[in-house]
Every structure is written in C-alpha cells, then in structure tokens.
Amino acid sequence: MEWLKPAVVLGSVLYAVIGVLIFWISFIIIDKITPYDLWLEIVEKQNKALAMVVAAMSLGICIIVAAAIH
C-alpha cells in the first residue's frame, strides 16, 4: 500500500498539474507560431485534416512531457 501514502499521491497530482501546464503552454506557443487561428479553423470551419495534425502534435507533446516527468 505504498501508493496510498499522502506524499506519493501529492507528488502524482503535482506532476500531473505540471504536465498539463507544460502541454497548454506549448500548445499556445504553437498556436501563436502558426499563420492562422487553430481554434477557428478546427471548430468553426470544420477542418478535419488540421484537427488530425493538431491531435498528432498534442500526442507528441504529451509523450515528451510524460517521458520527462517519468
């Protein structure tokens, strides 16, 4: 029952929050770098190809963050 200790749970929550913050910051940076508004293109114009690219990019960033935290 090592994983139920408060220090372990707090550490896991802290790393999860740090990972999500790093992901959102990197997503915002990539959104600013691209020449068009990603949200407008994906949600309002229903650009499925761009949505797939952004999804792949998001997974890549998440894998990098998870590997760095692990």
C-alpha atoms as a PDB file:
ATOM      1  CA  MET A   1       0.000   0.000   0.000  1.00  0.00           C
ATOM      2  CA  GLU A   2       2.936   2.282  -0.728  1.00  0.00           C
ATOM      3  CA  TRP A   3       0.987   4.214  -3.373  1.00  0.00           C
ATOM      4  CA  LEU A   4      -1.678   5.356  -0.873  1.00  0.00           C
ATOM      5  CA  LYS A   5       0.714   7.451   1.188  1.00  0.00           C
ATOM      6  CA  PRO A   6      -0.111  11.181   1.092  1.00  0.00           C
ATOM      7  CA  ALA A   7       3.355  12.131  -0.195  1.00  0.00           C
ATOM      8  CA  VAL A   8       3.010   9.753  -3.151  1.00  0.00           C
ATOM      9  CA  VAL A   9      -0.486  10.999  -4.022  1.00  0.00           C
ATOM     10  CA  LEU A  10       0.580  14.648  -3.687  1.00  0.00           C
ATOM     11  CA  GLY A  11       3.616  14.022  -5.888  1.00  0.00           C
ATOM     12  CA  SER A  12       1.460  12.380  -8.552  1.00  0.00           C
ATOM     13  CA  VAL A  13      -1.022  15.255  -8.527  1.00  0.00           C
ATOM     14  CA  LEU A  14       1.793  17.802  -8.662  1.00  0.00           C
ATOM     15  CA  TYR A  15       3.435  16.078 -11.650  1.00  0.00           C
ATOM     16  CA  ALA A  16       0.067  15.816 -13.409  1.00  0.00           C
ATOM     17  CA  VAL A  17      -0.572  19.547 -12.957  1.00  0.00           C
ATOM     18  CA  ILE A  18       2.945  20.404 -14.151  1.00  0.00           C
ATOM     19  CA  GLY A  19       2.466  18.158 -17.200  1.00  0.00           C
ATOM     20  CA  VAL A  20      -0.846  19.779 -18.108  1.00  0.00           C
ATOM     21  CA  LEU A  21       0.618  23.273 -17.694  1.00  0.00           C
ATOM     22  CA  ILE A  22       3.595  22.433 -19.914  1.00  0.00           C
ATOM     23  CA  PHE A  23       1.231  20.971 -22.503  1.00  0.00           C
ATOM     24  CA  TRP A  24      -1.008  24.063 -22.563  1.00  0.00           C
ATOM     25  CA  ILE A  25       1.940  26.453 -22.733  1.00  0.00           C
ATOM     26  CA  SER A  26       3.459  24.521 -25.641  1.00  0.00           C
ATOM     27  CA  PHE A  27       0.078  24.396 -27.395  1.00  0.00           C
ATOM     28  CA  ILE A  28      -0.342  28.161 -27.033  1.00  0.00           C
ATOM     29  CA  ILE A  29       3.155  28.730 -28.414  1.00  0.00           C
ATOM     30  CA  ILE A  30       2.444  26.508 -31.407  1.00  0.00           C
ATOM     31  CA  ASP A  31      -0.901  28.262 -31.929  1.00  0.00           C
ATOM     32  CA  LYS A  32       0.883  31.630 -31.995  1.00  0.00           C
ATOM     33  CA  ILE A  33       3.550  30.339 -34.428  1.00  0.00           C
ATOM     34  CA  THR A  34       1.053  29.086 -36.997  1.00  0.00           C
ATOM     35  CA  PRO A  35      -0.158  31.688 -39.514  1.00  0.00           C
ATOM     36  CA  TYR A  36      -3.872  31.092 -38.765  1.00  0.00           C
ATOM     37  CA  ASP A  37      -6.114  30.608 -35.734  1.00  0.00           C
ATOM     38  CA  LEU A  38      -6.194  26.883 -34.935  1.00  0.00           C
ATOM     39  CA  TRP A  39      -9.421  27.062 -32.922  1.00  0.00           C
ATOM     40  CA  LEU A  40     -11.294  28.926 -35.678  1.00  0.00           C
ATOM     41  CA  GLU A  41     -10.087  26.513 -38.343  1.00  0.00           C
ATOM     42  CA  ILE A  42     -10.897  23.360 -36.368  1.00  0.00           C
ATOM     43  CA  VAL A  43     -14.147  24.271 -34.616  1.00  0.00           C
ATOM     44  CA  GLU A  44     -15.878  26.745 -36.889  1.00  0.00           C
ATOM     45  CA  LYS A  45     -14.583  25.765 -40.319  1.00  0.00           C
ATOM     46  CA  GLN A  46     -14.565  22.011 -39.503  1.00  0.00           C
ATOM     47  CA  ASN A  47     -11.057  21.476 -40.925  1.00  0.00           C
ATOM     48  CA  LYS A  48     -10.622  17.766 -40.150  1.00  0.00           C
ATOM     49  CA  ALA A  49      -7.156  17.488 -41.678  1.00  0.00           C
ATOM     50  CA  LEU A  50      -5.853  20.247 -39.423  1.00  0.00           C
ATOM     51  CA  ALA A  51      -7.585  18.649 -36.452  1.00  0.00           C
ATOM     52  CA  MET A  52      -5.728  15.387 -37.142  1.00  0.00           C
ATOM     53  CA  VAL A  53      -2.404  17.239 -37.355  1.00  0.00           C
ATOM     54  CA  VAL A  54      -3.082  19.102 -34.111  1.00  0.00           C
ATOM     55  CA  ALA A  55      -4.127  15.838 -32.427  1.00  0.00           C
ATOM     56  CA  ALA A  56      -0.887  14.158 -33.511  1.00  0.00           C
ATOM     57  CA  MET A  57       1.095  17.180 -32.323  1.00  0.00           C
ATOM     58  CA  SER A  58      -0.718  17.097 -28.982  1.00  0.00           C
ATOM     59  CA  LEU A  59       0.033  13.414 -28.508  1.00  0.00           C
ATOM     60  CA  GLY A  60       3.676  14.025 -29.341  1.00  0.00           C
ATOM     61  CA  ILE A  61       3.933  16.829 -26.796  1.00  0.00           C
ATOM     62  CA  CYS A  62       2.179  14.687 -24.182  1.00  0.00           C
ATOM     63  CA  ILE A  63       4.540  11.773 -24.759  1.00  0.00           C
ATOM     64  CA  ILE A  64       7.563  14.067 -24.406  1.00  0.00           C
ATOM     65  CA  VAL A  65       6.198  15.612 -21.197  1.00  0.00           C
ATOM     66  CA  ALA A  66       5.338  12.187 -19.758  1.00  0.00           C
ATOM     67  CA  ALA A  67       8.815  10.867 -20.560  1.00  0.00           C
ATOM     68  CA  ALA A  68      10.423  13.924 -18.980  1.00  0.00           C
ATOM     69  CA  ILE A  69       8.353  13.588 -15.817  1.00  0.00           C
ATOM     70  CA  HIS A  70       8.806   9.837 -15.542  1.00  0.00           C
END
